Amino acid sequence: MTSKQKELLTFSEKIQKGAQKAVRKLVEIRAATNKDLVIGDKDGNVSIVPAKDLLSSM
Protein backbone atom coordinates (compact mmCIF):
# COMPACT_ATOMS: atom_id res chain seq x y z
CA MET A 1 0.00 0.00 0.00
CA THR A 2 1.43 3.37 -0.98
CA SER A 3 1.65 6.32 1.38
CA LYS A 4 -1.04 8.10 -0.66
CA GLN A 5 -3.39 5.12 -0.24
CA LYS A 6 -2.71 5.03 3.51
CA GLU A 7 -3.40 8.74 3.72
CA LEU A 8 -6.71 8.34 1.88
CA LEU A 9 -7.68 5.39 4.09
CA THR A 10 -6.94 7.39 7.24
CA PHE A 11 -8.94 10.34 5.91
CA SER A 12 -11.86 8.08 5.00
CA GLU A 13 -11.86 6.54 8.49
CA LYS A 14 -11.92 10.01 10.07
CA ILE A 15 -14.87 11.02 7.91
CA GLN A 16 -16.77 7.86 8.83
CA LYS A 17 -16.15 8.33 12.56
CA GLY A 18 -17.27 11.95 12.35
CA ALA A 19 -20.45 11.00 10.52
CA GLN A 20 -21.21 8.29 13.08
CA LYS A 21 -20.72 10.78 15.93
CA ALA A 22 -23.04 13.27 14.24
CA VAL A 23 -25.77 10.68 13.66
CA ARG A 24 -25.55 9.47 17.26
CA LYS A 25 -25.81 13.04 18.55
CA LEU A 26 -28.85 13.67 16.33
CA VAL A 27 -30.57 10.51 17.57
CA GLU A 28 -29.77 11.33 21.21
CA ILE A 29 -31.19 14.85 20.90
CA ARG A 30 -34.33 13.60 19.16
CA ALA A 31 -34.78 10.83 21.74
CA ALA A 32 -34.47 13.32 24.60
CA THR A 33 -37.39 15.29 23.16
CA ASN A 34 -39.52 12.21 22.31
CA LYS A 35 -39.33 12.80 18.57
CA ASP A 36 -39.37 10.44 15.61
CA LEU A 37 -36.83 10.02 12.82
CA VAL A 38 -37.40 9.16 9.20
CA ILE A 39 -35.01 6.45 8.07
CA GLY A 40 -34.48 4.64 4.80
CA ASP A 41 -32.95 1.32 3.90
CA LYS A 42 -30.76 0.32 0.98
CA ASP A 43 -33.84 -0.65 -1.07
CA GLY A 44 -35.35 2.82 -0.78
CA ASN A 45 -38.03 1.92 1.75
CA VAL A 46 -38.78 4.73 4.18
CA SER A 47 -40.14 4.39 7.70
CA ILE A 48 -40.76 6.60 10.72
CA VAL A 49 -39.13 5.30 13.90
CA PRO A 50 -39.21 6.71 17.44
CA ALA A 51 -35.73 8.04 18.18
CA LYS A 52 -35.67 6.18 21.51
CA ASP A 53 -36.10 2.85 19.70
CA LEU A 54 -33.35 3.72 17.27
CA LEU A 55 -31.05 4.81 20.07
CA SER A 56 -31.55 1.54 21.92
CA SER A 57 -30.57 -0.41 18.80
CA MET A 58 -27.38 1.60 18.29
C-alpha atoms as a PDB file:
ATOM      1  CA  MET A   1       0.000   0.000   0.000  1.00  0.00           C
ATOM      2  CA  THR A   2       1.434   3.370  -0.976  1.00  0.00           C
ATOM      3  CA  SER A   3       1.647   6.321   1.385  1.00  0.00           C
ATOM      4  CA  LYS A   4      -1.043   8.099  -0.661  1.00  0.00           C
ATOM      5  CA  GLN A   5      -3.390   5.123  -0.239  1.00  0.00           C
ATOM      6  CA  LYS A   6      -2.707   5.029   3.509  1.00  0.00           C
ATOM      7  CA  GLU A   7      -3.403   8.744   3.720  1.00  0.00           C
ATOM      8  CA  LEU A   8      -6.711   8.338   1.882  1.00  0.00           C
ATOM      9  CA  LEU A   9      -7.676   5.393   4.092  1.00  0.00           C
ATOM     10  CA  THR A  10      -6.941   7.391   7.240  1.00  0.00           C
ATOM     11  CA  PHE A  11      -8.939  10.338   5.912  1.00  0.00           C
ATOM     12  CA  SER A  12     -11.855   8.076   5.005  1.00  0.00           C
ATOM     13  CA  GLU A  13     -11.860   6.541   8.495  1.00  0.00           C
ATOM     14  CA  LYS A  14     -11.921  10.008  10.071  1.00  0.00           C
ATOM     15  CA  ILE A  15     -14.871  11.021   7.905  1.00  0.00           C
ATOM     16  CA  GLN A  16     -16.774   7.856   8.827  1.00  0.00           C
ATOM     17  CA  LYS A  17     -16.147   8.327  12.561  1.00  0.00           C
ATOM     18  CA  GLY A  18     -17.272  11.951  12.355  1.00  0.00           C
ATOM     19  CA  ALA A  19     -20.453  11.003  10.516  1.00  0.00           C
ATOM     20  CA  GLN A  20     -21.209   8.292  13.083  1.00  0.00           C
ATOM     21  CA  LYS A  21     -20.723  10.782  15.928  1.00  0.00           C
ATOM     22  CA  ALA A  22     -23.043  13.275  14.236  1.00  0.00           C
ATOM     23  CA  VAL A  23     -25.770  10.680  13.660  1.00  0.00           C
ATOM     24  CA  ARG A  24     -25.547   9.466  17.258  1.00  0.00           C
ATOM     25  CA  LYS A  25     -25.808  13.039  18.549  1.00  0.00           C
ATOM     26  CA  LEU A  26     -28.846  13.674  16.333  1.00  0.00           C
ATOM     27  CA  VAL A  27     -30.569  10.509  17.574  1.00  0.00           C
ATOM     28  CA  GLU A  28     -29.772  11.330  21.214  1.00  0.00           C
ATOM     29  CA  ILE A  29     -31.192  14.850  20.900  1.00  0.00           C
ATOM     30  CA  ARG A  30     -34.334  13.605  19.159  1.00  0.00           C
ATOM     31  CA  ALA A  31     -34.776  10.825  21.741  1.00  0.00           C
ATOM     32  CA  ALA A  32     -34.467  13.318  24.599  1.00  0.00           C
ATOM     33  CA  THR A  33     -37.386  15.291  23.157  1.00  0.00           C
ATOM     34  CA  ASN A  34     -39.518  12.207  22.314  1.00  0.00           C
ATOM     35  CA  LYS A  35     -39.328  12.801  18.568  1.00  0.00           C
ATOM     36  CA  ASP A  36     -39.369  10.440  15.608  1.00  0.00           C
ATOM     37  CA  LEU A  37     -36.833  10.024  12.824  1.00  0.00           C
ATOM     38  CA  VAL A  38     -37.404   9.155   9.197  1.00  0.00           C
ATOM     39  CA  ILE A  39     -35.007   6.452   8.070  1.00  0.00           C
ATOM     40  CA  GLY A  40     -34.484   4.641   4.801  1.00  0.00           C
ATOM     41  CA  ASP A  41     -32.948   1.320   3.897  1.00  0.00           C
ATOM     42  CA  LYS A  42     -30.760   0.315   0.977  1.00  0.00           C
ATOM     43  CA  ASP A  43     -33.836  -0.654  -1.070  1.00  0.00           C
ATOM     44  CA  GLY A  44     -35.346   2.817  -0.784  1.00  0.00           C
ATOM     45  CA  ASN A  45     -38.032   1.919   1.751  1.00  0.00           C
ATOM     46  CA  VAL A  46     -38.782   4.729   4.181  1.00  0.00           C
ATOM     47  CA  SER A  47     -40.142   4.394   7.700  1.00  0.00           C
ATOM     48  CA  ILE A  48     -40.755   6.596  10.724  1.00  0.00           C
ATOM     49  CA  VAL A  49     -39.134   5.302  13.903  1.00  0.00           C
ATOM     50  CA  PRO A  50     -39.213   6.706  17.437  1.00  0.00           C
ATOM     51  CA  ALA A  51     -35.729   8.036  18.177  1.00  0.00           C
ATOM     52  CA  LYS A  52     -35.673   6.176  21.512  1.00  0.00           C
ATOM     53  CA  ASP A  53     -36.104   2.852  19.703  1.00  0.00           C
ATOM     54  CA  LEU A  54     -33.351   3.716  17.270  1.00  0.00           C
ATOM     55  CA  LEU A  55     -31.055   4.812  20.075  1.00  0.00           C
ATOM     56  CA  SER A  56     -31.550   1.537  21.925  1.00  0.00           C
ATOM     57  CA  SER A  57     -30.569  -0.411  18.805  1.00  0.00           C
ATOM     58  CA  MET A  58     -27.379   1.598  18.286  1.00  0.00           C
END
